């Protein structure tokens, strides 16, 4: 900013030293044009300084959500496997139901009923786990897509505002 001020002072000095009025008008135009360019650069630098931390935050949010989604995705197969195993266990249990030809006693029938209830509860729990996992995945996926869009928008704006010397290095 001091550099801009010094250039403006030098132009002002040129204006005073100008020999005729056309030179004065040209010098004033140059000063005004340079002042306008300098003001735009100051605004651009301020906007860049404002957007850069927001861009970093958006990237971090996207990366965190992406990691969370990956972790949830890794839970899908084991969660659904637990449901299949619970359903198979109940199916096997039903196939082993005491036959009336074996004349099961009350104690044996009560054990069978209790085990049936336990296996059905295990299936309900496994189904709930699957539903909950799907809901969490859908929620995180929605947030992830929103974060990706926000990061993309901010990154594009940041690239447009990035100083030329930094763009050349990138």
Foldseek 3Di string as FASTA:
>chain_A
DVVLVVVLVVLVVQLVVDDDPVSNVVSVVVSVVSVVVVVVLVVLVVVLVVLVVVLVVLVVQLVVLVVVLVVLVVCQVVLVVQLVVLVVVLVVLVVVPDDVVVVDDPVSNVVSVVVNVVSVVSNVVSVVVNVVSVVVNVVSVVVNVVSVVVSVVSVVSSLVSPDPVVNVVD
